[in-house]
C-alpha atoms as a PDB file:
ATOM      1  CA  UNK A   1     124.108 -44.087  11.044  1.00  0.00           C
ATOM      2  CA  UNK A   2     121.730 -46.879  12.062  1.00  0.00           C
ATOM      3  CA  UNK A   3     119.937 -46.627   8.734  1.00  0.00           C
ATOM      4  CA  UNK A   4     123.150 -46.908   6.672  1.00  0.00           C
ATOM      5  CA  UNK A   5     124.263 -49.927   8.724  1.00  0.00           C
ATOM      6  CA  UNK A   6     120.878 -51.575   8.160  1.00  0.00           C
ATOM      7  CA  UNK A   7     121.011 -50.786   4.434  1.00  0.00           C
ATOM      8  CA  UNK A   8     124.510 -52.245   4.262  1.00  0.00           C
ATOM      9  CA  UNK A   9     123.382 -55.424   6.029  1.00  0.00           C
ATOM     10  CA  UNK A  10     120.380 -55.796   3.700  1.00  0.00           C
ATOM     11  CA  UNK A  11     122.681 -55.352   0.685  1.00  0.00           C
ATOM     12  CA  UNK A  12     125.037 -58.004   2.062  1.00  0.00           C
ATOM     13  CA  UNK A  13     122.194 -60.492   2.587  1.00  0.00           C
ATOM     14  CA  UNK A  14     120.862 -59.884  -0.932  1.00  0.00           C
ATOM     15  CA  UNK A  15     124.356 -60.300  -2.408  1.00  0.00           C
ATOM     16  CA  UNK A  16     124.969 -63.576  -0.568  1.00  0.00           C
ATOM     17  CA  UNK A  17     121.549 -64.914  -1.551  1.00  0.00           C
ATOM     18  CA  UNK A  18     122.202 -63.985  -5.197  1.00  0.00           C
ATOM     19  CA  UNK A  19     125.565 -65.744  -5.090  1.00  0.00           C
ATOM     20  CA  UNK A  20     124.020 -68.912  -3.664  1.00  0.00           C
ATOM     21  CA  UNK A  21     121.294 -68.952  -6.321  1.00  0.00           C
ATOM     22  CA  UNK A  22     123.832 -68.341  -9.111  1.00  0.00           C
ATOM     23  CA  UNK A  23     126.035 -71.132  -7.764  1.00  0.00           C
ATOM     24  CA  UNK A  24     123.134 -73.566  -7.722  1.00  0.00           C
ATOM     25  CA  UNK A  25     122.068 -72.660 -11.261  1.00  0.00           C
ATOM     26  CA  UNK A  26     125.558 -72.770 -12.766  1.00  0.00           C
ATOM     27  CA  UNK A  27     126.932 -75.804 -10.916  1.00  0.00           C
ATOM     28  CA  UNK A  28     127.502 -78.817 -13.199  1.00  0.00           C
ATOM     29  CA  UNK A  29     125.009 -81.582 -12.657  1.00  0.00           C
ATOM     30  CA  UNK A  30     126.273 -84.933 -11.450  1.00  0.00           C
ATOM     31  CA  UNK A  31     125.655 -87.738 -13.867  1.00  0.00           C
ATOM     32  CA  UNK A  32     126.144 -91.429 -13.353  1.00  0.00           C
ATOM     33  CA  UNK A  33     129.302 -92.717 -15.017  1.00  0.00           C
ATOM     34  CA  UNK A  34     131.198 -95.946 -15.261  1.00  0.00           C
ATOM     35  CA  UNK A  35     132.810 -97.107 -12.049  1.00  0.00           C
ATOM     36  CA  UNK A  36     136.030 -95.274 -11.308  1.00  0.00           C
ATOM     37  CA  UNK A  37     135.356 -92.322 -13.618  1.00  0.00           C
ATOM     38  CA  UNK A  38     134.735 -88.861 -12.190  1.00  0.00           C
ATOM     39  CA  UNK A  39     131.083 -87.813 -12.232  1.00  0.00           C
ATOM     40  CA  UNK A  40     131.839 -84.320 -13.537  1.00  0.00           C
ATOM     41  CA  UNK A  41     134.807 -82.691 -15.235  1.00  0.00           C
ATOM     42  CA  UNK A  42     135.735 -80.653 -12.162  1.00  0.00           C
ATOM     43  CA  UNK A  43     136.258 -83.893 -10.186  1.00  0.00           C
ATOM     44  CA  UNK A  44     139.345 -84.548 -12.316  1.00  0.00           C
ATOM     45  CA  UNK A  45     141.831 -81.663 -11.979  1.00  0.00           C
ATOM     46  CA  UNK A  46     144.003 -83.092 -14.792  1.00  0.00           C
ATOM     47  CA  UNK A  47     141.129 -82.731 -17.226  1.00  0.00           C
ATOM     48  CA  UNK A  48     141.475 -79.547 -19.345  1.00  0.00           C
ATOM     49  CA  UNK A  49     137.681 -79.206 -19.293  1.00  0.00           C
ATOM     50  CA  UNK A  50     137.807 -78.852 -15.508  1.00  0.00           C
ATOM     51  CA  UNK A  51     138.471 -75.114 -15.454  1.00  0.00           C
ATOM     52  CA  UNK A  52     137.827 -71.890 -17.272  1.00  0.00           C
ATOM     53  CA  UNK A  53     137.145 -71.834 -20.988  1.00  0.00           C
ATOM     54  CA  UNK A  54     137.737 -75.599 -21.249  1.00  0.00           C
ATOM     55  CA  UNK A  55     134.777 -76.189 -18.946  1.00  0.00           C
ATOM     56  CA  UNK A  56     132.602 -73.883 -21.051  1.00  0.00           C
ATOM     57  CA  UNK A  57     133.681 -75.479 -24.362  1.00  0.00           C
ATOM     58  CA  UNK A  58     132.901 -78.929 -22.958  1.00  0.00           C
ATOM     59  CA  UNK A  59     129.383 -77.740 -22.101  1.00  0.00           C
ATOM     60  CA  UNK A  60     128.638 -76.122 -25.473  1.00  0.00           C
ATOM     61  CA  UNK A  61     129.905 -78.734 -27.892  1.00  0.00           C
ATOM     62  CA  UNK A  62     133.600 -78.036 -28.324  1.00  0.00           C
ATOM     63  CA  UNK A  63     134.792 -74.938 -30.112  1.00  0.00           C
ATOM     64  CA  UNK A  64     132.144 -75.106 -32.852  1.00  0.00           C
ATOM     65  CA  UNK A  65     129.931 -72.415 -31.325  1.00  0.00           C
ATOM     66  CA  UNK A  66     126.939 -74.749 -31.451  1.00  0.00           C
ATOM     67  CA  UNK A  67     125.130 -76.192 -28.475  1.00  0.00           C
ATOM     68  CA  UNK A  68     125.250 -80.014 -28.336  1.00  0.00           C
ATOM     69  CA  UNK A  69     121.617 -80.357 -29.478  1.00  0.00           C
ATOM     70  CA  UNK A  70     122.186 -78.010 -32.415  1.00  0.00           C
ATOM     71  CA  UNK A  71     125.301 -79.953 -33.337  1.00  0.00           C
ATOM     72  CA  UNK A  72     123.343 -83.240 -33.344  1.00  0.00           C
ATOM     73  CA  UNK A  73     120.648 -81.708 -35.560  1.00  0.00           C
ATOM     74  CA  UNK A  74     123.277 -80.329 -37.940  1.00  0.00           C
ATOM     75  CA  UNK A  75     125.045 -83.712 -38.129  1.00  0.00           C
ATOM     76  CA  UNK A  76     121.743 -85.453 -38.837  1.00  0.00           C
ATOM     77  CA  UNK A  77     120.904 -82.991 -41.626  1.00  0.00           C
ATOM     78  CA  UNK A  78     124.373 -83.511 -43.135  1.00  0.00           C
ATOM     79  CA  UNK A  79     124.129 -87.298 -42.997  1.00  0.00           C
ATOM     80  CA  UNK A  80     120.627 -87.296 -44.516  1.00  0.00           C
ATOM     81  CA  UNK A  81     121.871 -85.056 -47.347  1.00  0.00           C
ATOM     82  CA  UNK A  82     124.894 -87.310 -47.907  1.00  0.00           C
ATOM     83  CA  UNK A  83     122.635 -90.366 -48.185  1.00  0.00           C
ATOM     84  CA  UNK A  84     120.044 -88.573 -50.335  1.00  0.00           C
ATOM     85  CA  UNK A  85     117.293 -89.012 -47.733  1.00  0.00           C
ATOM     86  CA  UNK A  86     116.399 -85.355 -47.236  1.00  0.00           C
ATOM     87  CA  UNK A  87     112.679 -84.757 -46.852  1.00  0.00           C
ATOM     88  CA  UNK A  88     111.598 -81.106 -46.746  1.00  0.00           C
ATOM     89  CA  UNK A  89     108.349 -82.093 -45.041  1.00  0.00           C
ATOM     90  CA  UNK A  90     110.096 -83.684 -42.031  1.00  0.00           C
ATOM     91  CA  UNK A  91     111.139 -81.341 -39.221  1.00  0.00           C
ATOM     92  CA  UNK A  92     114.080 -82.336 -37.009  1.00  0.00           C
ATOM     93  CA  UNK A  93     114.347 -81.002 -33.463  1.00  0.00           C
ATOM     94  CA  UNK A  94     116.829 -82.147 -30.806  1.00  0.00           C
ATOM     95  CA  UNK A  95     116.253 -81.561 -27.087  1.00  0.00           C
ATOM     96  CA  UNK A  96     118.656 -82.998 -24.501  1.00  0.00           C
ATOM     97  CA  UNK A  97     119.970 -85.516 -27.044  1.00  0.00           C
ATOM     98  CA  UNK A  98     116.487 -86.742 -27.979  1.00  0.00           C
ATOM     99  CA  UNK A  99     115.722 -86.276 -31.684  1.00  0.00           C
ATOM    100  CA  UNK A 100     112.100 -85.526 -32.542  1.00  0.00           C
ATOM    101  CA  UNK A 101     111.076 -86.216 -36.136  1.00  0.00           C
ATOM    102  CA  UNK A 102     107.766 -84.605 -37.105  1.00  0.00           C
ATOM    103  CA  UNK A 103     105.966 -84.068 -40.377  1.00  0.00           C
ATOM    104  CA  UNK A 104     104.725 -86.083 -43.328  1.00  0.00           C
ATOM    105  CA  UNK A 105     106.457 -88.372 -45.781  1.00  0.00           C
ATOM    106  CA  UNK A 106     104.705 -90.047 -48.712  1.00  0.00           C
ATOM    107  CA  UNK A 107     107.342 -92.795 -48.967  1.00  0.00           C
ATOM    108  CA  UNK A 108     107.241 -95.027 -45.837  1.00  0.00           C
ATOM    109  CA  UNK A 109     110.618 -96.567 -46.717  1.00  0.00           C
ATOM    110  CA  UNK A 110     112.205 -93.101 -46.846  1.00  0.00           C
ATOM    111  CA  UNK A 111     110.603 -92.191 -43.493  1.00  0.00           C
ATOM    112  CA  UNK A 112     111.962 -95.375 -41.916  1.00  0.00           C
ATOM    113  CA  UNK A 113     115.394 -94.591 -43.385  1.00  0.00           C
ATOM    114  CA  UNK A 114     115.376 -91.130 -41.802  1.00  0.00           C
ATOM    115  CA  UNK A 115     114.581 -92.693 -38.422  1.00  0.00           C
ATOM    116  CA  UNK A 116     117.383 -95.252 -38.854  1.00  0.00           C
ATOM    117  CA  UNK A 117     119.928 -92.551 -39.740  1.00  0.00           C
ATOM    118  CA  UNK A 118     118.854 -90.503 -36.702  1.00  0.00           C
ATOM    119  CA  UNK A 119     119.582 -93.472 -34.413  1.00  0.00           C
ATOM    120  CA  UNK A 120     123.140 -93.690 -35.791  1.00  0.00           C
ATOM    121  CA  UNK A 121     124.174 -90.054 -35.195  1.00  0.00           C
ATOM    122  CA  UNK A 122     126.686 -89.738 -32.325  1.00  0.00           C
ATOM    123  CA  UNK A 123     125.202 -88.142 -29.216  1.00  0.00           C
ATOM    124  CA  UNK A 124     121.618 -89.197 -29.922  1.00  0.00           C
ATOM    125  CA  UNK A 125     119.995 -90.565 -26.762  1.00  0.00           C
ATOM    126  CA  UNK A 126     116.645 -91.495 -28.315  1.00  0.00           C
ATOM    127  CA  UNK A 127     114.581 -90.858 -31.436  1.00  0.00           C
ATOM    128  CA  UNK A 128     110.893 -89.989 -31.236  1.00  0.00           C
ATOM    129  CA  UNK A 129     109.298 -90.851 -34.577  1.00  0.00           C
ATOM    130  CA  UNK A 130     106.197 -88.707 -35.166  1.00  0.00           C
ATOM    131  CA  UNK A 131     106.397 -88.811 -38.973  1.00  0.00           C
ATOM    132  CA  UNK A 132     103.057 -89.551 -40.595  1.00  0.00           C
ATOM    133  CA  UNK A 133     103.406 -91.986 -43.473  1.00  0.00           C
ATOM    134  CA  UNK A 134     101.094 -90.979 -46.327  1.00  0.00           C
ATOM    135  CA  UNK A 135     100.572 -93.907 -48.641  1.00  0.00           C
END
């Protein structure tokens, strides 16, 4: 009986520890906002993103199924295609809202245009221009 009680206690401790770790990993991060606005969605109970699926959709870019970074990259590709500035030798990667442009472009004006378009896409925090201009 002592062994089963000890095993039960060990299981309880492991379960609690796992719950604490999961809570820390899944908790929304606090971000600085304008004065008077809630720091996170769950601070505002009237916000539909505060609970359940609304919270999840707010974290993964609406109902599109794309993560916010993927959505930014897709929007940038679409805008470049619309403006006729697509360059197959320039790779676009977005991480945490920062767009990284890497590759080579023989036309420096076209490369500068790609950078300018990237700055104008909603959700872009910064653009890192690593495009080599080949003249």
